[in-house]
Every structure is written in structure tokens, then in C-alpha cells.
PDB file of N, CA and C in Angstrom:
ATOM      1  N   UNK A   1      -6.293  45.176  68.515  1.00  0.00           N
ATOM      2  CA  UNK A   1      -6.001  43.769  68.641  1.00  0.00           C
ATOM      3  C   UNK A   1      -5.701  43.140  67.274  1.00  0.00           C
ATOM      4  N   UNK A   2      -6.422  43.566  66.248  1.00  0.00           N
ATOM      5  CA  UNK A   2      -6.166  43.009  64.920  1.00  0.00           C
ATOM      6  C   UNK A   2      -4.780  43.416  64.435  1.00  0.00           C
ATOM      7  N   UNK A   3      -4.292  44.570  64.880  1.00  0.00           N
ATOM      8  CA  UNK A   3      -2.952  44.995  64.501  1.00  0.00           C
ATOM      9  C   UNK A   3      -1.915  44.051  65.102  1.00  0.00           C
ATOM     10  N   UNK A   4      -2.133  43.629  66.340  1.00  0.00           N
ATOM     11  CA  UNK A   4      -1.249  42.672  66.991  1.00  0.00           C
ATOM     12  C   UNK A   4      -1.257  41.343  66.261  1.00  0.00           C
ATOM     13  N   UNK A   5      -2.426  40.888  65.834  1.00  0.00           N
ATOM     14  CA  UNK A   5      -2.532  39.624  65.109  1.00  0.00           C
ATOM     15  C   UNK A   5      -1.767  39.699  63.789  1.00  0.00           C
ATOM     16  N   UNK A   6      -1.903  40.840  63.099  1.00  0.00           N
ATOM     17  CA  UNK A   6      -1.178  41.007  61.837  1.00  0.00           C
ATOM     18  C   UNK A   6       0.329  40.950  62.050  1.00  0.00           C
ATOM     19  N   UNK A   7       0.791  41.590  63.129  1.00  0.00           N
ATOM     20  CA  UNK A   7       2.215  41.589  63.429  1.00  0.00           C
ATOM     21  C   UNK A   7       2.681  40.180  63.731  1.00  0.00           C
ATOM     22  N   UNK A   8       1.897  39.452  64.523  1.00  0.00           N
ATOM     23  CA  UNK A   8       2.255  38.073  64.850  1.00  0.00           C
ATOM     24  C   UNK A   8       2.258  37.199  63.598  1.00  0.00           C
ATOM     25  N   UNK A   9       1.267  37.390  62.728  1.00  0.00           N
ATOM     26  CA  UNK A   9       1.200  36.613  61.501  1.00  0.00           C
ATOM     27  C   UNK A   9       2.398  36.914  60.607  1.00  0.00           C
ATOM     28  N   UNK A  10       2.762  38.197  60.512  1.00  0.00           N
ATOM     29  CA  UNK A  10       3.916  38.567  59.700  1.00  0.00           C
ATOM     30  C   UNK A  10       5.197  37.936  60.234  1.00  0.00           C
ATOM     31  N   UNK A  11       5.357  37.934  61.569  1.00  0.00           N
ATOM     32  CA  UNK A  11       6.540  37.316  62.169  1.00  0.00           C
ATOM     33  C   UNK A  11       6.556  35.821  61.904  1.00  0.00           C
ATOM     34  N   UNK A  12       5.403  35.176  62.008  1.00  0.00           N
ATOM     35  CA  UNK A  12       5.319  33.737  61.763  1.00  0.00           C
ATOM     36  C   UNK A  12       5.641  33.434  60.311  1.00  0.00           C
ATOM     37  N   UNK A  13       5.062  34.228  59.394  1.00  0.00           N
ATOM     38  CA  UNK A  13       5.346  34.023  57.973  1.00  0.00           C
ATOM     39  C   UNK A  13       6.830  34.243  57.676  1.00  0.00           C
ATOM     40  N   UNK A  14       7.388  35.260  58.285  1.00  0.00           N
ATOM     41  CA  UNK A  14       8.798  35.559  58.085  1.00  0.00           C
ATOM     42  C   UNK A  14       9.654  34.403  58.573  1.00  0.00           C
ATOM     43  N   UNK A  15       9.336  33.847  59.723  1.00  0.00           N
ATOM     44  CA  UNK A  15      10.081  32.711  60.255  1.00  0.00           C
ATOM     45  C   UNK A  15       9.936  31.491  59.352  1.00  0.00           C
ATOM     46  N   UNK A  16       8.727  31.260  58.826  1.00  0.00           N
ATOM     47  CA  UNK A  16       8.520  30.126  57.922  1.00  0.00           C
ATOM     48  C   UNK A  16       9.340  30.290  56.653  1.00  0.00           C
ATOM     49  N   UNK A  17       9.408  31.526  56.127  1.00  0.00           N
ATOM     50  CA  UNK A  17      10.202  31.779  54.924  1.00  0.00           C
ATOM     51  C   UNK A  17      11.677  31.508  55.176  1.00  0.00           C
ATOM     52  N   UNK A  18      12.165  31.901  56.355  1.00  0.00           N
ATOM     53  CA  UNK A  18      13.569  31.644  56.683  1.00  0.00           C
ATOM     54  C   UNK A  18      13.854  30.157  56.751  1.00  0.00           C
ATOM     55  N   UNK A  19      12.943  29.403  57.335  1.00  0.00           N
ATOM     56  CA  UNK A  19      13.115  27.952  57.431  1.00  0.00           C
ATOM     57  C   UNK A  19      13.116  27.343  56.036  1.00  0.00           C
ATOM     58  N   UNK A  20      12.176  27.777  55.176  1.00  0.00           N
ATOM     59  CA  UNK A  20      12.116  27.258  53.815  1.00  0.00           C
ATOM     60  C   UNK A  20      13.396  27.574  53.057  1.00  0.00           C
ATOM     61  N   UNK A  21      13.906  28.795  53.214  1.00  0.00           N
ATOM     62  CA  UNK A  21      15.120  29.193  52.504  1.00  0.00           C
ATOM     63  C   UNK A  21      16.340  28.413  52.976  1.00  0.00           C
ATOM     64  N   UNK A  22      16.377  28.050  54.255  1.00  0.00           N
ATOM     65  CA  UNK A  22      17.509  27.297  54.782  1.00  0.00           C
ATOM     66  C   UNK A  22      17.525  25.882  54.237  1.00  0.00           C
ATOM     67  N   UNK A  23      16.354  25.321  53.949  1.00  0.00           N
ATOM     68  CA  UNK A  23      16.275  23.950  53.464  1.00  0.00           C
ATOM     69  C   UNK A  23      16.530  23.839  51.968  1.00  0.00           C
ATOM     70  N   UNK A  24      16.426  24.936  51.244  1.00  0.00           N
ATOM     71  CA  UNK A  24      16.642  24.919  49.804  1.00  0.00           C
ATOM     72  C   UNK A  24      18.112  25.148  49.499  1.00  0.00           C
ATOM     73  N   UNK A  25      18.618  24.407  48.503  1.00  0.00           N
ATOM     74  CA  UNK A  25      19.998  24.595  48.077  1.00  0.00           C
ATOM     75  C   UNK A  25      20.053  25.722  47.060  1.00  0.00           C
ATOM     76  N   UNK A  26      21.013  26.629  47.215  1.00  0.00           N
ATOM     77  CA  UNK A  26      21.152  27.758  46.295  1.00  0.00           C
ATOM     78  C   UNK A  26      21.700  27.258  44.977  1.00  0.00           C
ATOM     79  N   UNK A  27      21.118  27.711  43.884  1.00  0.00           N
ATOM     80  CA  UNK A  27      21.541  27.301  42.552  1.00  0.00           C
ATOM     81  C   UNK A  27      21.937  28.536  41.758  1.00  0.00           C
ATOM     82  N   UNK A  28      23.113  28.483  41.169  1.00  0.00           N
ATOM     83  CA  UNK A  28      23.590  29.568  40.322  1.00  0.00           C
ATOM     84  C   UNK A  28      23.029  29.322  38.922  1.00  0.00           C
ATOM     85  N   UNK A  29      21.947  29.970  38.592  1.00  0.00           N
ATOM     86  CA  UNK A  29      21.250  29.738  37.331  1.00  0.00           C
ATOM     87  C   UNK A  29      22.118  30.130  36.138  1.00  0.00           C
ATOM     88  N   UNK A  30      22.874  31.206  36.262  1.00  0.00           N
ATOM     89  CA  UNK A  30      23.759  31.629  35.178  1.00  0.00           C
ATOM     90  C   UNK A  30      24.792  30.563  34.858  1.00  0.00           C
ATOM     91  N   UNK A  31      25.370  29.968  35.896  1.00  0.00           N
ATOM     92  CA  UNK A  31      26.362  28.913  35.702  1.00  0.00           C
ATOM     93  C   UNK A  31      25.718  27.676  35.085  1.00  0.00           C
ATOM     94  N   UNK A  32      24.536  27.331  35.552  1.00  0.00           N
ATOM     95  CA  UNK A  32      23.825  26.173  34.995  1.00  0.00           C
ATOM     96  C   UNK A  32      23.519  26.387  33.518  1.00  0.00           C
ATOM     97  N   UNK A  33      23.105  27.595  33.146  1.00  0.00           N
ATOM     98  CA  UNK A  33      22.848  27.904  31.733  1.00  0.00           C
ATOM     99  C   UNK A  33      24.132  27.815  30.921  1.00  0.00           C
ATOM    100  N   UNK A  34      25.229  28.327  31.474  1.00  0.00           N
ATOM    101  CA  UNK A  34      26.507  28.277  30.770  1.00  0.00           C
ATOM    102  C   UNK A  34      26.916  26.831  30.525  1.00  0.00           C
ATOM    103  N   UNK A  35      26.770  25.971  31.552  1.00  0.00           N
ATOM    104  CA  UNK A  35      27.146  24.564  31.391  1.00  0.00           C
ATOM    105  C   UNK A  35      26.312  23.901  30.301  1.00  0.00           C
ATOM    106  N   UNK A  36      25.017  24.198  30.258  1.00  0.00           N
ATOM    107  CA  UNK A  36      24.126  23.604  29.253  1.00  0.00           C
ATOM    108  C   UNK A  36      24.530  24.059  27.843  1.00  0.00           C
ATOM    109  N   UNK A  37      24.754  25.353  27.679  1.00  0.00           N
ATOM    110  CA  UNK A  37      25.122  25.895  26.370  1.00  0.00           C
ATOM    111  C   UNK A  37      26.500  25.380  25.945  1.00  0.00           C
ATOM    112  N   UNK A  38      27.443  25.322  26.894  1.00  0.00           N
ATOM    113  CA  UNK A  38      28.779  24.835  26.595  1.00  0.00           C
ATOM    114  C   UNK A  38      28.739  23.375  26.161  1.00  0.00           C
ATOM    115  N   UNK A  39      27.905  22.584  26.816  1.00  0.00           N
ATOM    116  CA  UNK A  39      27.766  21.166  26.451  1.00  0.00           C
ATOM    117  C   UNK A  39      27.214  21.038  25.028  1.00  0.00           C
ATOM    118  N   UNK A  40      26.208  21.843  24.702  1.00  0.00           N
ATOM    119  CA  UNK A  40      25.645  21.819  23.351  1.00  0.00           C
ATOM    120  C   UNK A  40      26.701  22.210  22.323  1.00  0.00           C
ATOM    121  N   UNK A  41      27.490  23.212  22.640  1.00  0.00           N
ATOM    122  CA  UNK A  41      28.524  23.679  21.725  1.00  0.00           C
ATOM    123  C   UNK A  41      29.574  22.588  21.501  1.00  0.00           C
ATOM    124  N   UNK A  42      30.021  21.942  22.603  1.00  0.00           N
ATOM    125  CA  UNK A  42      31.018  20.882  22.476  1.00  0.00           C
ATOM    126  C   UNK A  42      30.478  19.713  21.667  1.00  0.00           C
ATOM    127  N   UNK A  43      29.208  19.372  21.860  1.00  0.00           N
ATOM    128  CA  UNK A  43      28.603  18.277  21.094  1.00  0.00           C
ATOM    129  C   UNK A  43      28.515  18.634  19.614  1.00  0.00           C
ATOM    130  N   UNK A  44      28.193  19.889  19.299  1.00  0.00           N
ATOM    131  CA  UNK A  44      28.093  20.285  17.897  1.00  0.00           C
ATOM    132  C   UNK A  44      29.459  20.249  17.227  1.00  0.00           C
ATOM    133  N   UNK A  45      30.514  20.573  17.969  1.00  0.00           N
ATOM    134  CA  UNK A  45      31.863  20.521  17.412  1.00  0.00           C
ATOM    135  C   UNK A  45      32.284  19.078  17.171  1.00  0.00           C
ATOM    136  N   UNK A  46      31.948  18.190  18.098  1.00  0.00           N
ATOM    137  CA  UNK A  46      32.372  16.800  17.931  1.00  0.00           C
ATOM    138  C   UNK A  46      31.644  16.132  16.772  1.00  0.00           C
ATOM    139  N   UNK A  47      30.419  16.567  16.474  1.00  0.00           N
ATOM    140  CA  UNK A  47      29.682  15.967  15.365  1.00  0.00           C
ATOM    141  C   UNK A  47      29.982  16.651  14.043  1.00  0.00           C
ATOM    142  N   UNK A  48      30.424  17.905  14.086  1.00  0.00           N
ATOM    143  CA  UNK A  48      30.719  18.653  12.867  1.00  0.00           C
ATOM    144  C   UNK A  48      31.997  19.466  13.084  1.00  0.00           C
ATOM    145  N   UNK A  49      33.158  18.863  12.842  1.00  0.00           N
ATOM    146  CA  UNK A  49      34.425  19.536  13.145  1.00  0.00           C
ATOM    147  C   UNK A  49      34.642  20.848  12.398  1.00  0.00           C
ATOM    148  N   UNK A  50      33.936  21.097  11.322  1.00  0.00           N
ATOM    149  CA  UNK A  50      34.134  22.361  10.616  1.00  0.00           C
ATOM    150  C   UNK A  50      33.658  23.540  11.447  1.00  0.00           C
ATOM    151  N   UNK A  51      32.772  23.312  12.439  1.00  0.00           N
ATOM    152  CA  UNK A  51      32.347  24.389  13.332  1.00  0.00           C
ATOM    153  C   UNK A  51      33.516  24.906  14.156  1.00  0.00           C
ATOM    154  N   UNK A  52      34.463  24.042  14.435  1.00  0.00           N
ATOM    155  CA  UNK A  52      35.590  24.432  15.280  1.00  0.00           C
ATOM    156  C   UNK A  52      36.685  25.129  14.497  1.00  0.00           C
ATOM    157  N   UNK A  53      36.652  25.017  13.201  1.00  0.00           N
ATOM    158  CA  UNK A  53      37.720  25.626  12.404  1.00  0.00           C
ATOM    159  C   UNK A  53      37.591  27.140  12.402  1.00  0.00           C
ATOM    160  N   UNK A  54      38.694  27.780  12.136  1.00  0.00           N
ATOM    161  CA  UNK A  54      38.738  29.235  12.129  1.00  0.00           C
ATOM    162  C   UNK A  54      37.947  29.778  10.936  1.00  0.00           C
ATOM    163  N   UNK A  55      37.061  30.719  11.197  1.00  0.00           N
ATOM    164  CA  UNK A  55      36.240  31.296  10.129  1.00  0.00           C
ATOM    165  C   UNK A  55      36.998  32.359   9.346  1.00  0.00           C
ATOM    166  N   UNK A  56      38.087  32.843   9.903  1.00  0.00           N
ATOM    167  CA  UNK A  56      38.826  33.931   9.282  1.00  0.00           C
ATOM    168  C   UNK A  56      40.183  33.446   8.806  1.00  0.00           C
ATOM    169  N   UNK A  57      40.660  34.048   7.741  1.00  0.00           N
ATOM    170  CA  UNK A  57      41.981  33.713   7.237  1.00  0.00           C
ATOM    171  C   UNK A  57      43.031  34.277   8.185  1.00  0.00           C
ATOM    172  N   UNK A  58      44.180  33.623   8.217  1.00  0.00           N
ATOM    173  CA  UNK A  58      45.290  34.142   9.009  1.00  0.00           C
ATOM    174  C   UNK A  58      45.703  35.499   8.456  1.00  0.00           C
ATOM    175  N   UNK A  59      46.292  36.284   9.312  1.00  0.00           N
ATOM    176  CA  UNK A  59      46.661  37.640   8.922  1.00  0.00           C
ATOM    177  C   UNK A  59      48.172  37.787   8.884  1.00  0.00           C
ATOM    178  N   UNK A  60      48.623  38.818   8.220  1.00  0.00           N
ATOM    179  CA  UNK A  60      50.038  39.131   8.139  1.00  0.00           C
ATOM    180  C   UNK A  60      50.473  39.798   9.450  1.00  0.00           C
ATOM    181  N   UNK A  61      51.452  39.211  10.106  1.00  0.00           N
ATOM    182  CA  UNK A  61      51.894  39.706  11.412  1.00  0.00           C
ATOM    183  C   UNK A  61      52.427  41.128  11.336  1.00  0.00           C
ATOM    184  N   UNK A  62      53.155  41.442  10.283  1.00  0.00           N
ATOM    185  CA  UNK A  62      53.732  42.789  10.151  1.00  0.00           C
ATOM    186  C   UNK A  62      52.620  43.828  10.033  1.00  0.00           C
ATOM    187  N   UNK A  63      51.624  43.550   9.198  1.00  0.00           N
ATOM    188  CA  UNK A  63      50.499  44.478   9.018  1.00  0.00           C
ATOM    189  C   UNK A  63      49.761  44.690  10.334  1.00  0.00           C
ATOM    190  N   UNK A  64      49.498  43.614  11.041  1.00  0.00           N
ATOM    191  CA  UNK A  64      48.762  43.706  12.312  1.00  0.00           C
ATOM    192  C   UNK A  64      49.574  44.498  13.327  1.00  0.00           C
ATOM    193  N   UNK A  65      50.868  44.233  13.405  1.00  0.00           N
ATOM    194  CA  UNK A  65      51.718  44.960  14.351  1.00  0.00           C
ATOM    195  C   UNK A  65      51.721  46.448  14.036  1.00  0.00           C
ATOM    196  N   UNK A  66      51.845  46.795  12.770  1.00  0.00           N
ATOM    197  CA  UNK A  66      51.842  48.211  12.373  1.00  0.00           C
ATOM    198  C   UNK A  66      50.500  48.875  12.708  1.00  0.00           C
ATOM    199  N   UNK A  67      49.407  48.188  12.403  1.00  0.00           N
ATOM    200  CA  UNK A  67      48.095  48.761  12.707  1.00  0.00           C
ATOM    201  C   UNK A  67      47.917  48.917  14.213  1.00  0.00           C
ATOM    202  N   UNK A  68      48.374  47.942  14.962  1.00  0.00           N
ATOM    203  CA  UNK A  68      48.237  47.988  16.416  1.00  0.00           C
ATOM    204  C   UNK A  68      49.004  49.172  16.993  1.00  0.00           C
ATOM    205  N   UNK A  69      50.209  49.385  16.509  1.00  0.00           N
ATOM    206  CA  UNK A  69      51.047  50.457  17.038  1.00  0.00           C
ATOM    207  C   UNK A  69      50.667  51.836  16.508  1.00  0.00           C
ATOM    208  N   UNK A  70      50.284  51.914  15.232  1.00  0.00           N
ATOM    209  CA  UNK A  70      50.056  53.213  14.602  1.00  0.00           C
ATOM    210  C   UNK A  70      48.605  53.689  14.623  1.00  0.00           C
ATOM    211  N   UNK A  71      47.684  52.809  14.839  1.00  0.00           N
ATOM    212  CA  UNK A  71      46.267  53.184  14.815  1.00  0.00           C
ATOM    213  C   UNK A  71      45.589  52.924  16.156  1.00  0.00           C
ATOM    214  N   UNK A  72      46.359  52.890  17.212  1.00  0.00           N
ATOM    215  CA  UNK A  72      45.822  52.664  18.556  1.00  0.00           C
ATOM    216  C   UNK A  72      44.992  51.390  18.651  1.00  0.00           C
ATOM    217  N   UNK A  73      45.433  50.355  17.979  1.00  0.00           N
ATOM    218  CA  UNK A  73      44.759  49.065  18.070  1.00  0.00           C
ATOM    219  C   UNK A  73      43.555  48.910  17.174  1.00  0.00           C
ATOM    220  N   UNK A  74      43.307  49.870  16.293  1.00  0.00           N
ATOM    221  CA  UNK A  74      42.175  49.763  15.362  1.00  0.00           C
ATOM    222  C   UNK A  74      42.642  49.005  14.126  1.00  0.00           C
ATOM    223  N   UNK A  75      42.084  47.843  13.913  1.00  0.00           N
ATOM    224  CA  UNK A  75      42.484  47.005  12.787  1.00  0.00           C
ATOM    225  C   UNK A  75      41.565  47.237  11.602  1.00  0.00           C
ATOM    226  N   UNK A  76      42.116  47.069  10.396  1.00  0.00           N
ATOM    227  CA  UNK A  76      41.337  47.293   9.176  1.00  0.00           C
ATOM    228  C   UNK A  76      40.407  46.125   8.871  1.00  0.00           C
ATOM    229  N   UNK A  77      40.696  44.968   9.446  1.00  0.00           N
ATOM    230  CA  UNK A  77      39.824  43.801   9.267  1.00  0.00           C
ATOM    231  C   UNK A  77      39.871  42.971  10.541  1.00  0.00           C
ATOM    232  N   UNK A  78      39.006  41.988  10.618  1.00  0.00           N
ATOM    233  CA  UNK A  78      38.969  41.133  11.800  1.00  0.00           C
ATOM    234  C   UNK A  78      40.261  40.340  11.918  1.00  0.00           C
ATOM    235  N   UNK A  79      40.715  40.206  13.152  1.00  0.00           N
ATOM    236  CA  UNK A  79      41.936  39.465  13.423  1.00  0.00           C
ATOM    237  C   UNK A  79      41.575  38.282  14.307  1.00  0.00           C
ATOM    238  N   UNK A  80      41.844  37.058  13.846  1.00  0.00           N
ATOM    239  CA  UNK A  80      41.563  35.886  14.690  1.00  0.00           C
ATOM    240  C   UNK A  80      42.350  35.970  15.993  1.00  0.00           C
ATOM    241  N   UNK A  81      41.694  35.678  17.084  1.00  0.00           N
ATOM    242  CA  UNK A  81      42.330  35.791  18.394  1.00  0.00           C
ATOM    243  C   UNK A  81      43.616  34.974  18.503  1.00  0.00           C
ATOM    244  N   UNK A  82      43.649  33.729  18.027  1.00  0.00           N
ATOM    245  CA  UNK A  82      44.921  32.991  18.129  1.00  0.00           C
ATOM    246  C   UNK A  82      46.063  33.698  17.404  1.00  0.00           C
ATOM    247  N   UNK A  83      45.779  34.323  16.265  1.00  0.00           N
ATOM    248  CA  UNK A  83      46.816  35.062  15.538  1.00  0.00           C
ATOM    249  C   UNK A  83      47.285  36.268  16.346  1.00  0.00           C
ATOM    250  N   UNK A  84      46.349  36.997  16.916  1.00  0.00           N
ATOM    251  CA  UNK A  84      46.692  38.183  17.693  1.00  0.00           C
ATOM    252  C   UNK A  84      47.524  37.796  18.916  1.00  0.00           C
ATOM    253  N   UNK A  85      47.141  36.735  19.590  1.00  0.00           N
ATOM    254  CA  UNK A  85      47.893  36.277  20.768  1.00  0.00           C
ATOM    255  C   UNK A  85      49.309  35.881  20.357  1.00  0.00           C
ATOM    256  N   UNK A  86      49.438  35.152  19.254  1.00  0.00           N
ATOM    257  CA  UNK A  86      50.769  34.728  18.782  1.00  0.00           C
ATOM    258  C   UNK A  86      51.634  35.941  18.447  1.00  0.00           C
ATOM    259  N   UNK A  87      51.046  36.923  17.777  1.00  0.00           N
ATOM    260  CA  UNK A  87      51.802  38.129  17.397  1.00  0.00           C
ATOM    261  C   UNK A  87      52.254  38.894  18.634  1.00  0.00           C
ATOM    262  N   UNK A  88      51.339  39.111  19.566  1.00  0.00           N
ATOM    263  CA  UNK A  88      51.691  39.854  20.776  1.00  0.00           C
ATOM    264  C   UNK A  88      52.718  39.104  21.617  1.00  0.00           C
ATOM    265  N   UNK A  89      52.561  37.795  21.721  1.00  0.00           N
ATOM    266  CA  UNK A  89      53.536  36.997  22.486  1.00  0.00           C
ATOM    267  C   UNK A  89      54.921  37.118  21.892  1.00  0.00           C
ATOM    268  N   UNK A  90      54.988  37.049  20.588  1.00  0.00           N
ATOM    269  CA  UNK A  90      56.289  37.166  19.915  1.00  0.00           C
ATOM    270  C   UNK A  90      56.899  38.545  20.150  1.00  0.00           C
ATOM    271  N   UNK A  91      56.064  39.586  20.084  1.00  0.00           N
ATOM    272  CA  UNK A  91      56.557  40.948  20.327  1.00  0.00           C
ATOM    273  C   UNK A  91      57.088  41.088  21.750  1.00  0.00           C
ATOM    274  N   UNK A  92      56.358  40.545  22.720  1.00  0.00           N
ATOM    275  CA  UNK A  92      56.789  40.640  24.121  1.00  0.00           C
ATOM    276  C   UNK A  92      58.084  39.875  24.338  1.00  0.00           C
ATOM    277  N   UNK A  93      58.202  38.713  23.706  1.00  0.00           N
ATOM    278  CA  UNK A  93      59.440  37.946  23.845  1.00  0.00           C
ATOM    279  C   UNK A  93      60.618  38.720  23.251  1.00  0.00           C
ATOM    280  N   UNK A  94      60.395  39.382  22.123  1.00  0.00           N
ATOM    281  CA  UNK A  94      61.455  40.179  21.493  1.00  0.00           C
ATOM    282  C   UNK A  94      61.857  41.356  22.368  1.00  0.00           C
ATOM    283  N   UNK A  95      60.906  41.946  23.073  1.00  0.00           N
ATOM    284  CA  UNK A  95      61.209  43.070  23.959  1.00  0.00           C
ATOM    285  C   UNK A  95      62.061  42.617  25.137  1.00  0.00           C
ATOM    286  N   UNK A  96      61.837  41.406  25.630  1.00  0.00           N
ATOM    287  CA  UNK A  96      62.581  40.898  26.783  1.00  0.00           C
ATOM    288  C   UNK A  96      64.023  40.610  26.419  1.00  0.00           C
ATOM    289  N   UNK A  97      64.265  40.261  25.158  1.00  0.00           N
ATOM    290  CA  UNK A  97      65.638  39.899  24.742  1.00  0.00           C
ATOM    291  C   UNK A  97      66.381  41.069  24.269  1.00  0.00           C
TER     292      UNK A  97
END
């Protein structure tokens, strides 16, 4: 008889958990953390514009193109992403023409 009571209690608890879960709104914690960190980052940039400036010097497009083609994309120094995008875009445009 106690086994039956345990089974009934487990079913009741399970049903209560389902009801509780249905009433709670699902929250994407990762997204909430990203929004908080992104907001802090944007505020720090607006108060100190030097944070937004590029930390690396611009690179020579010819050197980067040669390293990209001849060294399987292994660069000898860091390449700022905007520079790399500009170089690759220009190369792709030249290939189309």
C-alpha cells in the first residue's frame, strides 16, 4: 500500500511541476547576459571614444594578400578585421571583372 501512495505522490508532484513550468516564462539567460554586456560596452564607448578606435595599425594590402595566398592564410602579424574585409572585397570584385 505504501508503494501505491508513493506512486500517487510522485504523479501529483509531477503534475504540480508541469503546472508550475507552464506558468513560468522561459528566459534565455545567455541572451540576457549578452544584452547586459553589450550595453556596458556601448556605454563605455560613448563615454570614452578611444575604446572604439582601432588598436592595430592598418596593414599593407599587397603584403596581406601575398601572405593569404602563399601561406594558407597565416599572417605574420595581426590584421584588423576591417582591413581584411576591405582587402578581400576588393580581390573578389577584381575577380568578377
